[in-house]
């Protein structure tokens, strides 16, 4: 996908210096399974030896109630990686609290054997609390990319129109705080990540972004023209686009989860997705492409 950039827009994208591949760190927070410490160190080691410069790692306080951030800081330090070698993205909006129930309350059944719970804290002051905690968990490293985590879900939880407006005001106030951090030199760029791309389009009219992360939306299975138009608009303005979860959280490679929820073969919509996955596998096989790794050439990266 080609996007023609103006000189100013090209400078904005170049300033972030994002490589072609960014590494997601949900697995370090024990998403769906609990990798061993040795496996986590091997994962981080593969990231920093991948050849992509800088090594960009995307995480969040929500991932394992801060465990992902904690592991990133621990393993980078153990590997002797200097902070200048990595660029860490921290999606803010959840912070760690003591675990007082048998399993975490914020996403039951998703995070395996974690030792803390998490609470949502989206507001001007709340996002600063999340930022401070994130940097503490990272140890001697700091997050260079900041955003509000899943504002689409925060808005979707509204009870009525007035509550939605209050929540939208919370999000805008949180972004005002993040922009202030950017002006102070505390972060390289401010962005937004969401599964519902329509929320990104809405916030694009209200907030100033350096980058956006679109999750589970611009994929082999789903790529609506309205979203293509939005991506083109962002690109023309020099707002970097990060396409994440483009295999729907591993679903296209055989996972029993679709976009982070369990698949239900008895549901007609899920049954159709399973059939489309099977057709994709067959098509890829005929071309000699493997569906067991994210290196499939069926993925057409966004070019700027």
C-alpha atoms as a PDB file:
ATOM      1  CA  UNK A   1       0.000   0.000   0.000  1.00  0.00           C
ATOM      2  CA  UNK A   2       1.699   3.154  -1.208  1.00  0.00           C
ATOM      3  CA  UNK A   3       1.071   6.580   0.359  1.00  0.00           C
ATOM      4  CA  UNK A   4       2.492   9.776  -1.114  1.00  0.00           C
ATOM      5  CA  UNK A   5       3.898  11.967   1.645  1.00  0.00           C
ATOM      6  CA  UNK A   6       4.515  15.684   1.696  1.00  0.00           C
ATOM      7  CA  UNK A   7       7.964  16.798   2.872  1.00  0.00           C
ATOM      8  CA  UNK A   8       6.606  17.741   6.323  1.00  0.00           C
ATOM      9  CA  UNK A   9       4.722  14.460   6.650  1.00  0.00           C
ATOM     10  CA  UNK A  10       7.817  12.478   5.678  1.00  0.00           C
ATOM     11  CA  UNK A  11       9.812  14.268   8.391  1.00  0.00           C
ATOM     12  CA  UNK A  12       7.207  13.331  11.019  1.00  0.00           C
ATOM     13  CA  UNK A  13       7.403   9.640  10.085  1.00  0.00           C
ATOM     14  CA  UNK A  14      11.213   9.685   9.900  1.00  0.00           C
ATOM     15  CA  UNK A  15      11.488  11.269  13.352  1.00  0.00           C
ATOM     16  CA  UNK A  16       9.902   8.209  14.969  1.00  0.00           C
ATOM     17  CA  UNK A  17      12.395   5.951  13.162  1.00  0.00           C
ATOM     18  CA  UNK A  18      10.138   2.897  13.333  1.00  0.00           C
ATOM     19  CA  UNK A  19      11.464  -0.298  11.725  1.00  0.00           C
ATOM     20  CA  UNK A  20       9.412  -2.598   9.511  1.00  0.00           C
ATOM     21  CA  UNK A  21       8.668  -5.003  12.373  1.00  0.00           C
ATOM     22  CA  UNK A  22       7.614  -4.210  15.947  1.00  0.00           C
ATOM     23  CA  UNK A  23       7.544  -6.911  18.612  1.00  0.00           C
ATOM     24  CA  UNK A  24       4.448  -7.388  20.770  1.00  0.00           C
ATOM     25  CA  UNK A  25       4.989  -8.453  24.382  1.00  0.00           C
ATOM     26  CA  UNK A  26       1.683  -9.949  25.527  1.00  0.00           C
ATOM     27  CA  UNK A  27       3.392 -13.346  25.844  1.00  0.00           C
ATOM     28  CA  UNK A  28       5.749 -11.939  28.470  1.00  0.00           C
ATOM     29  CA  UNK A  29       2.647 -11.219  30.572  1.00  0.00           C
ATOM     30  CA  UNK A  30       1.489 -14.855  30.377  1.00  0.00           C
ATOM     31  CA  UNK A  31      -1.272 -14.419  27.810  1.00  0.00           C
ATOM     32  CA  UNK A  32      -3.132 -17.760  27.561  1.00  0.00           C
ATOM     33  CA  UNK A  33      -0.044 -19.657  28.740  1.00  0.00           C
ATOM     34  CA  UNK A  34       2.943 -19.263  31.072  1.00  0.00           C
ATOM     35  CA  UNK A  35       6.317 -19.389  29.309  1.00  0.00           C
ATOM     36  CA  UNK A  36       9.275 -20.219  31.518  1.00  0.00           C
ATOM     37  CA  UNK A  37      11.764 -17.531  32.477  1.00  0.00           C
ATOM     38  CA  UNK A  38      14.260 -19.148  30.116  1.00  0.00           C
ATOM     39  CA  UNK A  39      11.773 -18.995  27.273  1.00  0.00           C
ATOM     40  CA  UNK A  40      11.035 -15.338  27.986  1.00  0.00           C
ATOM     41  CA  UNK A  41      14.732 -14.512  27.962  1.00  0.00           C
ATOM     42  CA  UNK A  42      15.112 -16.351  24.652  1.00  0.00           C
ATOM     43  CA  UNK A  43      12.202 -14.369  23.179  1.00  0.00           C
ATOM     44  CA  UNK A  44      13.696 -11.032  24.198  1.00  0.00           C
ATOM     45  CA  UNK A  45      17.091 -12.184  22.972  1.00  0.00           C
ATOM     46  CA  UNK A  46      15.659 -12.997  19.553  1.00  0.00           C
ATOM     47  CA  UNK A  47      14.056  -9.562  19.388  1.00  0.00           C
ATOM     48  CA  UNK A  48      17.255  -7.647  20.055  1.00  0.00           C
ATOM     49  CA  UNK A  49      19.271  -9.826  17.662  1.00  0.00           C
ATOM     50  CA  UNK A  50      16.711  -9.588  14.845  1.00  0.00           C
ATOM     51  CA  UNK A  51      18.587  -6.880  12.984  1.00  0.00           C
ATOM     52  CA  UNK A  52      15.761  -4.337  13.191  1.00  0.00           C
ATOM     53  CA  UNK A  53      17.071  -1.035  14.535  1.00  0.00           C
ATOM     54  CA  UNK A  54      16.010   0.176  16.924  1.00  0.00           C
ATOM     55  CA  UNK A  55      14.365  -2.860  18.496  1.00  0.00           C
ATOM     56  CA  UNK A  56      10.800  -1.658  19.129  1.00  0.00           C
ATOM     57  CA  UNK A  57       8.816  -3.515  21.794  1.00  0.00           C
ATOM     58  CA  UNK A  58       5.125  -2.897  22.377  1.00  0.00           C
ATOM     59  CA  UNK A  59       3.721  -3.570  25.833  1.00  0.00           C
ATOM     60  CA  UNK A  60       1.142  -2.269  28.324  1.00  0.00           C
ATOM     61  CA  UNK A  61       0.397  -2.117  32.004  1.00  0.00           C
ATOM     62  CA  UNK A  62      -2.565  -4.374  31.283  1.00  0.00           C
ATOM     63  CA  UNK A  63      -0.356  -7.200  29.997  1.00  0.00           C
ATOM     64  CA  UNK A  64      -0.175  -9.524  32.958  1.00  0.00           C
ATOM     65  CA  UNK A  65      -0.962  -6.614  35.293  1.00  0.00           C
ATOM     66  CA  UNK A  66       2.454  -5.121  34.593  1.00  0.00           C
ATOM     67  CA  UNK A  67       4.322  -8.433  34.367  1.00  0.00           C
ATOM     68  CA  UNK A  68       5.185  -7.886  30.702  1.00  0.00           C
ATOM     69  CA  UNK A  69       6.845  -4.529  31.443  1.00  0.00           C
ATOM     70  CA  UNK A  70       8.661  -6.044  34.414  1.00  0.00           C
ATOM     71  CA  UNK A  71      10.022  -8.923  32.316  1.00  0.00           C
ATOM     72  CA  UNK A  72      11.098  -6.569  29.513  1.00  0.00           C
ATOM     73  CA  UNK A  73      13.169  -4.481  31.919  1.00  0.00           C
ATOM     74  CA  UNK A  74      14.602  -7.533  33.667  1.00  0.00           C
ATOM     75  CA  UNK A  75      15.594  -9.434  30.540  1.00  0.00           C
ATOM     76  CA  UNK A  76      16.975  -6.463  28.622  1.00  0.00           C
ATOM     77  CA  UNK A  77      19.171  -5.698  31.623  1.00  0.00           C
ATOM     78  CA  UNK A  78      20.273  -9.329  31.931  1.00  0.00           C
ATOM     79  CA  UNK A  79      21.231  -9.331  28.252  1.00  0.00           C
ATOM     80  CA  UNK A  80      23.277  -6.155  28.689  1.00  0.00           C
ATOM     81  CA  UNK A  81      21.149  -4.101  26.297  1.00  0.00           C
ATOM     82  CA  UNK A  82      21.675  -0.365  26.684  1.00  0.00           C
ATOM     83  CA  UNK A  83      18.503   1.765  26.701  1.00  0.00           C
ATOM     84  CA  UNK A  84      19.492   3.471  23.438  1.00  0.00           C
ATOM     85  CA  UNK A  85      19.194   0.152  21.577  1.00  0.00           C
ATOM     86  CA  UNK A  86      15.483  -0.235  22.226  1.00  0.00           C
ATOM     87  CA  UNK A  87      12.313   1.805  21.833  1.00  0.00           C
ATOM     88  CA  UNK A  88       9.530   0.688  24.160  1.00  0.00           C
ATOM     89  CA  UNK A  89       5.865   1.448  23.603  1.00  0.00           C
ATOM     90  CA  UNK A  90       3.718   1.475  26.729  1.00  0.00           C
ATOM     91  CA  UNK A  91      -0.038   1.609  26.261  1.00  0.00           C
ATOM     92  CA  UNK A  92      -1.401   3.287  29.377  1.00  0.00           C
ATOM     93  CA  UNK A  93      -4.721   3.002  31.176  1.00  0.00           C
ATOM     94  CA  UNK A  94      -4.307   0.078  33.577  1.00  0.00           C
ATOM     95  CA  UNK A  95      -2.184  -0.125  36.691  1.00  0.00           C
ATOM     96  CA  UNK A  96      -1.228  -2.859  39.116  1.00  0.00           C
ATOM     97  CA  UNK A  97      -3.086  -3.578  42.372  1.00  0.00           C
ATOM     98  CA  UNK A  98      -2.876  -6.494  44.833  1.00  0.00           C
ATOM     99  CA  UNK A  99      -4.513  -9.759  43.798  1.00  0.00           C
ATOM    100  CA  UNK A 100      -7.195 -10.574  46.360  1.00  0.00           C
ATOM    101  CA  UNK A 101      -9.157 -13.185  44.372  1.00  0.00           C
ATOM    102  CA  UNK A 102      -8.197 -16.624  42.987  1.00  0.00           C
ATOM    103  CA  UNK A 103      -7.584 -15.080  39.562  1.00  0.00           C
ATOM    104  CA  UNK A 104      -7.396 -11.539  38.178  1.00  0.00           C
ATOM    105  CA  UNK A 105     -10.703  -9.716  37.861  1.00  0.00           C
ATOM    106  CA  UNK A 106      -9.833  -7.534  34.862  1.00  0.00           C
ATOM    107  CA  UNK A 107      -9.730 -10.369  32.290  1.00  0.00           C
ATOM    108  CA  UNK A 108     -10.515 -13.724  33.930  1.00  0.00           C
ATOM    109  CA  UNK A 109      -9.060 -16.756  32.214  1.00  0.00           C
ATOM    110  CA  UNK A 110      -6.735 -14.756  29.961  1.00  0.00           C
ATOM    111  CA  UNK A 111      -3.612 -14.144  32.066  1.00  0.00           C
ATOM    112  CA  UNK A 112      -2.106 -17.314  33.506  1.00  0.00           C
ATOM    113  CA  UNK A 113      -0.587 -17.532  37.000  1.00  0.00           C
ATOM    114  CA  UNK A 114       0.035 -13.818  37.467  1.00  0.00           C
ATOM    115  CA  UNK A 115       0.509 -12.419  40.955  1.00  0.00           C
ATOM    116  CA  UNK A 116      -1.333  -9.090  40.676  1.00  0.00           C
ATOM    117  CA  UNK A 117      -4.648  -7.674  39.561  1.00  0.00           C
ATOM    118  CA  UNK A 118      -5.148  -4.489  37.515  1.00  0.00           C
ATOM    119  CA  UNK A 119      -7.587  -1.581  37.570  1.00  0.00           C
ATOM    120  CA  UNK A 120      -8.431   0.875  34.831  1.00  0.00           C
ATOM    121  CA  UNK A 121      -7.326   4.467  35.426  1.00  0.00           C
ATOM    122  CA  UNK A 122      -8.099   6.733  32.460  1.00  0.00           C
ATOM    123  CA  UNK A 123      -8.066  10.462  33.181  1.00  0.00           C
ATOM    124  CA  UNK A 124      -5.443  13.180  33.198  1.00  0.00           C
ATOM    125  CA  UNK A 125      -4.069  12.204  36.603  1.00  0.00           C
ATOM    126  CA  UNK A 126      -4.773   8.506  36.064  1.00  0.00           C
ATOM    127  CA  UNK A 127      -2.710   8.283  32.883  1.00  0.00           C
ATOM    128  CA  UNK A 128       0.220   9.946  34.658  1.00  0.00           C
ATOM    129  CA  UNK A 129      -0.037   7.369  37.452  1.00  0.00           C
ATOM    130  CA  UNK A 130       0.073   4.612  34.833  1.00  0.00           C
ATOM    131  CA  UNK A 131       3.081   6.232  33.139  1.00  0.00           C
ATOM    132  CA  UNK A 132       5.010   6.534  36.396  1.00  0.00           C
ATOM    133  CA  UNK A 133       4.277   2.915  37.335  1.00  0.00           C
ATOM    134  CA  UNK A 134       5.268   1.679  33.888  1.00  0.00           C
ATOM    135  CA  UNK A 135       8.675   3.331  34.100  1.00  0.00           C
ATOM    136  CA  UNK A 136       9.196   1.883  37.569  1.00  0.00           C
ATOM    137  CA  UNK A 137       8.446  -1.624  36.268  1.00  0.00           C
ATOM    138  CA  UNK A 138      10.852  -1.154  33.346  1.00  0.00           C
ATOM    139  CA  UNK A 139      13.752  -0.464  35.703  1.00  0.00           C
ATOM    140  CA  UNK A 140      16.530   1.449  33.937  1.00  0.00           C
ATOM    141  CA  UNK A 141      14.544   1.619  30.692  1.00  0.00           C
ATOM    142  CA  UNK A 142      11.842   4.120  29.737  1.00  0.00           C
ATOM    143  CA  UNK A 143       8.888   4.063  27.386  1.00  0.00           C
ATOM    144  CA  UNK A 144       9.545   6.228  24.331  1.00  0.00           C
ATOM    145  CA  UNK A 145       6.103   5.757  22.783  1.00  0.00           C
ATOM    146  CA  UNK A 146       2.974   6.409  24.850  1.00  0.00           C
ATOM    147  CA  UNK A 147      -0.735   5.952  24.220  1.00  0.00           C
ATOM    148  CA  UNK A 148      -4.072   5.351  25.906  1.00  0.00           C
ATOM    149  CA  UNK A 149      -4.826   1.629  25.880  1.00  0.00           C
ATOM    150  CA  UNK A 150      -8.045   0.398  24.238  1.00  0.00           C
ATOM    151  CA  UNK A 151     -10.070   3.622  24.331  1.00  0.00           C
ATOM    152  CA  UNK A 152     -12.633   1.781  22.200  1.00  0.00           C
ATOM    153  CA  UNK A 153     -13.384  -0.632  25.037  1.00  0.00           C
ATOM    154  CA  UNK A 154     -13.537   2.210  27.547  1.00  0.00           C
ATOM    155  CA  UNK A 155     -16.155   3.984  25.417  1.00  0.00           C
ATOM    156  CA  UNK A 156     -18.061   0.761  24.704  1.00  0.00           C
ATOM    157  CA  UNK A 157     -18.618   0.300  28.445  1.00  0.00           C
ATOM    158  CA  UNK A 158     -20.731   3.485  28.573  1.00  0.00           C
ATOM    159  CA  UNK A 159     -24.173   3.124  30.131  1.00  0.00           C
ATOM    160  CA  UNK A 160     -25.738   6.005  28.182  1.00  0.00           C
ATOM    161  CA  UNK A 161     -24.880   9.015  26.015  1.00  0.00           C
ATOM    162  CA  UNK A 162     -23.937  11.202  28.979  1.00  0.00           C
ATOM    163  CA  UNK A 163     -21.634   8.523  30.353  1.00  0.00           C
ATOM    164  CA  UNK A 164     -20.013   8.123  26.945  1.00  0.00           C
ATOM    165  CA  UNK A 165     -19.318  11.861  26.772  1.00  0.00           C
ATOM    166  CA  UNK A 166     -17.778  11.745  30.247  1.00  0.00           C
ATOM    167  CA  UNK A 167     -15.546   8.868  29.181  1.00  0.00           C
ATOM    168  CA  UNK A 168     -14.598  10.655  25.976  1.00  0.00           C
ATOM    169  CA  UNK A 169     -13.632  13.707  28.032  1.00  0.00           C
ATOM    170  CA  UNK A 170     -11.472  11.414  30.204  1.00  0.00           C
ATOM    171  CA  UNK A 171      -9.645  10.149  27.120  1.00  0.00           C
ATOM    172  CA  UNK A 172      -9.064  13.641  25.713  1.00  0.00           C
ATOM    173  CA  UNK A 173      -7.773  14.830  29.108  1.00  0.00           C
ATOM    174  CA  UNK A 174      -5.426  11.833  29.240  1.00  0.00           C
ATOM    175  CA  UNK A 175      -4.033  12.768  25.839  1.00  0.00           C
ATOM    176  CA  UNK A 176      -3.501  16.342  26.945  1.00  0.00           C
ATOM    177  CA  UNK A 177      -1.313  14.948  29.737  1.00  0.00           C
ATOM    178  CA  UNK A 178       0.626  12.773  27.288  1.00  0.00           C
ATOM    179  CA  UNK A 179       1.238  15.704  24.953  1.00  0.00           C
ATOM    180  CA  UNK A 180       2.553  17.658  27.917  1.00  0.00           C
ATOM    181  CA  UNK A 181       5.002  14.821  28.602  1.00  0.00           C
ATOM    182  CA  UNK A 182       6.090  14.993  24.965  1.00  0.00           C
ATOM    183  CA  UNK A 183       6.687  18.745  25.203  1.00  0.00           C
ATOM    184  CA  UNK A 184       8.818  18.076  28.291  1.00  0.00           C
ATOM    185  CA  UNK A 185      10.906  15.586  26.329  1.00  0.00           C
ATOM    186  CA  UNK A 186       9.684  12.596  28.323  1.00  0.00           C
ATOM    187  CA  UNK A 187       8.492  10.679  25.253  1.00  0.00           C
ATOM    188  CA  UNK A 188       9.287  10.546  21.561  1.00  0.00           C
ATOM    189  CA  UNK A 189       5.734  10.144  20.286  1.00  0.00           C
ATOM    190  CA  UNK A 190       2.100   9.930  21.354  1.00  0.00           C
ATOM    191  CA  UNK A 191      -0.306   7.563  19.665  1.00  0.00           C
ATOM    192  CA  UNK A 192      -3.410   5.442  19.989  1.00  0.00           C
ATOM    193  CA  UNK A 193      -4.077   1.724  19.775  1.00  0.00           C
ATOM    194  CA  UNK A 194      -7.508   0.162  19.403  1.00  0.00           C
ATOM    195  CA  UNK A 195      -9.277  -2.885  18.013  1.00  0.00           C
ATOM    196  CA  UNK A 196     -12.187  -0.782  16.775  1.00  0.00           C
ATOM    197  CA  UNK A 197     -10.671   1.418  14.075  1.00  0.00           C
ATOM    198  CA  UNK A 198     -13.763   3.658  14.103  1.00  0.00           C
ATOM    199  CA  UNK A 199     -12.710   4.853  17.552  1.00  0.00           C
ATOM    200  CA  UNK A 200      -9.315   5.788  16.121  1.00  0.00           C
ATOM    201  CA  UNK A 201     -11.098   7.767  13.417  1.00  0.00           C
ATOM    202  CA  UNK A 202     -13.179   9.567  16.039  1.00  0.00           C
ATOM    203  CA  UNK A 203     -10.214  10.404  18.270  1.00  0.00           C
ATOM    204  CA  UNK A 204      -8.195  11.536  15.267  1.00  0.00           C
ATOM    205  CA  UNK A 205     -10.553  14.522  15.131  1.00  0.00           C
ATOM    206  CA  UNK A 206     -10.013  15.356  18.806  1.00  0.00           C
ATOM    207  CA  UNK A 207      -6.396  14.514  19.619  1.00  0.00           C
ATOM    208  CA  UNK A 208      -2.958  14.948  18.096  1.00  0.00           C
ATOM    209  CA  UNK A 209      -1.232  11.684  17.190  1.00  0.00           C
ATOM    210  CA  UNK A 210       2.237  10.806  15.956  1.00  0.00           C
ATOM    211  CA  UNK A 211       1.269   7.190  15.295  1.00  0.00           C
ATOM    212  CA  UNK A 212      -1.715   4.867  15.456  1.00  0.00           C
ATOM    213  CA  UNK A 213      -1.873   1.123  16.082  1.00  0.00           C
ATOM    214  CA  UNK A 214      -4.731  -0.709  14.397  1.00  0.00           C
ATOM    215  CA  UNK A 215      -5.394  -4.151  15.911  1.00  0.00           C
ATOM    216  CA  UNK A 216      -7.410  -7.043  14.467  1.00  0.00           C
ATOM    217  CA  UNK A 217      -8.826  -4.762  11.777  1.00  0.00           C
ATOM    218  CA  UNK A 218      -6.616  -4.514   8.676  1.00  0.00           C
ATOM    219  CA  UNK A 219      -6.072  -8.208   8.058  1.00  0.00           C
ATOM    220  CA  UNK A 220      -6.318 -10.948   5.476  1.00  0.00           C
ATOM    221  CA  UNK A 221      -9.888 -11.636   6.637  1.00  0.00           C
ATOM    222  CA  UNK A 222     -11.012  -8.053   7.190  1.00  0.00           C
ATOM    223  CA  UNK A 223      -9.922  -4.913   5.293  1.00  0.00           C
ATOM    224  CA  UNK A 224     -12.908  -2.589   4.736  1.00  0.00           C
ATOM    225  CA  UNK A 225     -12.515   0.287   2.298  1.00  0.00           C
ATOM    226  CA  UNK A 226     -13.346   2.860   4.988  1.00  0.00           C
ATOM    227  CA  UNK A 227     -10.339   1.665   6.965  1.00  0.00           C
ATOM    228  CA  UNK A 228      -8.136   1.773   3.880  1.00  0.00           C
ATOM    229  CA  UNK A 229      -9.241   5.386   3.409  1.00  0.00           C
ATOM    230  CA  UNK A 230      -8.409   6.201   7.033  1.00  0.00           C
ATOM    231  CA  UNK A 231      -4.945   4.652   6.743  1.00  0.00           C
ATOM    232  CA  UNK A 232      -4.312   6.675   3.584  1.00  0.00           C
ATOM    233  CA  UNK A 233      -5.422   9.867   5.321  1.00  0.00           C
ATOM    234  CA  UNK A 234      -3.162   9.202   8.301  1.00  0.00           C
ATOM    235  CA  UNK A 235      -0.241   8.469   6.012  1.00  0.00           C
ATOM    236  CA  UNK A 236      -0.656  11.649   4.013  1.00  0.00           C
ATOM    237  CA  UNK A 237      -0.446  13.621   7.263  1.00  0.00           C
ATOM    238  CA  UNK A 238       2.712  11.855   8.389  1.00  0.00           C
ATOM    239  CA  UNK A 239       1.031   9.818  11.130  1.00  0.00           C
ATOM    240  CA  UNK A 240       2.775   6.439  11.269  1.00  0.00           C
ATOM    241  CA  UNK A 241       0.522   3.383  11.063  1.00  0.00           C
ATOM    242  CA  UNK A 242       1.333   0.206  12.987  1.00  0.00           C
ATOM    243  CA  UNK A 243      -0.702  -2.821  11.919  1.00  0.00           C
ATOM    244  CA  UNK A 244      -0.969  -5.273  14.819  1.00  0.00           C
ATOM    245  CA  UNK A 245      -2.696  -8.599  15.440  1.00  0.00           C
ATOM    246  CA  UNK A 246      -2.974  -9.024  11.692  1.00  0.00           C
ATOM    247  CA  UNK A 247      -3.528 -12.750  12.198  1.00  0.00           C
ATOM    248  CA  UNK A 248      -6.353 -12.114  14.693  1.00  0.00           C
ATOM    249  CA  UNK A 249      -4.312 -13.095  17.726  1.00  0.00           C
ATOM    250  CA  UNK A 250      -2.929 -16.256  16.123  1.00  0.00           C
ATOM    251  CA  UNK A 251      -6.262 -17.520  14.788  1.00  0.00           C
ATOM    252  CA  UNK A 252      -5.022 -17.777  11.195  1.00  0.00           C
ATOM    253  CA  UNK A 253      -2.176 -20.007  12.374  1.00  0.00           C
ATOM    254  CA  UNK A 254      -4.401 -22.448  14.239  1.00  0.00           C
ATOM    255  CA  UNK A 255      -5.199 -20.772  17.560  1.00  0.00           C
ATOM    256  CA  UNK A 256      -8.517 -21.537  19.248  1.00  0.00           C
ATOM    257  CA  UNK A 257      -8.931 -17.805  19.884  1.00  0.00           C
ATOM    258  CA  UNK A 258     -10.154 -15.188  17.409  1.00  0.00           C
ATOM    259  CA  UNK A 259      -9.137 -11.633  18.260  1.00  0.00           C
ATOM    260  CA  UNK A 260      -8.454 -12.692  21.871  1.00  0.00           C
ATOM    261  CA  UNK A 261     -11.752 -14.485  22.517  1.00  0.00           C
ATOM    262  CA  UNK A 262     -12.422 -18.252  22.405  1.00  0.00           C
ATOM    263  CA  UNK A 263     -13.739 -19.431  19.053  1.00  0.00           C
ATOM    264  CA  UNK A 264     -17.142 -21.172  19.101  1.00  0.00           C
ATOM    265  CA  UNK A 265     -17.550 -23.578  16.166  1.00  0.00           C
ATOM    266  CA  UNK A 266     -21.312 -23.746  16.809  1.00  0.00           C
ATOM    267  CA  UNK A 267     -21.663 -20.015  16.175  1.00  0.00           C
ATOM    268  CA  UNK A 268     -22.398 -19.374  12.468  1.00  0.00           C
ATOM    269  CA  UNK A 269     -20.045 -16.379  12.305  1.00  0.00           C
ATOM    270  CA  UNK A 270     -17.182 -18.316  13.924  1.00  0.00           C
ATOM    271  CA  UNK A 271     -17.897 -21.353  11.755  1.00  0.00           C
ATOM    272  CA  UNK A 272     -17.559 -19.117   8.689  1.00  0.00           C
ATOM    273  CA  UNK A 273     -14.236 -17.798  10.008  1.00  0.00           C
ATOM    274  CA  UNK A 274     -12.951 -21.347  10.500  1.00  0.00           C
ATOM    275  CA  UNK A 275     -13.925 -22.188   6.940  1.00  0.00           C
ATOM    276  CA  UNK A 276     -12.200 -19.074   5.606  1.00  0.00           C
ATOM    277  CA  UNK A 277      -9.090 -20.035   7.582  1.00  0.00           C
ATOM    278  CA  UNK A 278      -9.163 -23.486   6.031  1.00  0.00           C
ATOM    279  CA  UNK A 279      -9.488 -21.956   2.554  1.00  0.00           C
ATOM    280  CA  UNK A 280      -6.553 -19.643   3.281  1.00  0.00           C
ATOM    281  CA  UNK A 281      -4.399 -22.562   4.380  1.00  0.00           C
ATOM    282  CA  UNK A 282      -5.246 -24.446   1.187  1.00  0.00           C
ATOM    283  CA  UNK A 283      -4.484 -21.419  -0.983  1.00  0.00           C
ATOM    284  CA  UNK A 284      -1.205 -20.772   0.804  1.00  0.00           C
ATOM    285  CA  UNK A 285      -0.236 -24.439   0.520  1.00  0.00           C
ATOM    286  CA  UNK A 286      -0.780 -24.425  -3.233  1.00  0.00           C
ATOM    287  CA  UNK A 287       1.676 -21.531  -3.474  1.00  0.00           C
ATOM    288  CA  UNK A 288       4.204 -23.257  -1.256  1.00  0.00           C
ATOM    289  CA  UNK A 289       3.761 -20.808   1.599  1.00  0.00           C
ATOM    290  CA  UNK A 290       3.840 -21.914   5.214  1.00  0.00           C
ATOM    291  CA  UNK A 291       1.012 -20.994   7.587  1.00  0.00           C
ATOM    292  CA  UNK A 292       2.998 -21.939  10.676  1.00  0.00           C
ATOM    293  CA  UNK A 293       4.926 -18.683  10.996  1.00  0.00           C
ATOM    294  CA  UNK A 294       4.303 -14.962  10.740  1.00  0.00           C
ATOM    295  CA  UNK A 295       6.736 -14.844   7.805  1.00  0.00           C
ATOM    296  CA  UNK A 296       3.955 -15.653   5.333  1.00  0.00           C
ATOM    297  CA  UNK A 297       4.288 -13.466   2.200  1.00  0.00           C
ATOM    298  CA  UNK A 298       0.519 -13.188   2.122  1.00  0.00           C
ATOM    299  CA  UNK A 299       1.000 -10.257   4.469  1.00  0.00           C
ATOM    300  CA  UNK A 300       1.431  -7.060   2.463  1.00  0.00           C
ATOM    301  CA  UNK A 301       3.063  -4.478   4.773  1.00  0.00           C
ATOM    302  CA  UNK A 302       2.063  -0.852   4.618  1.00  0.00           C
ATOM    303  CA  UNK A 303       4.736   1.144   2.868  1.00  0.00           C
ATOM    304  CA  UNK A 304       5.227   4.829   3.439  1.00  0.00           C
END
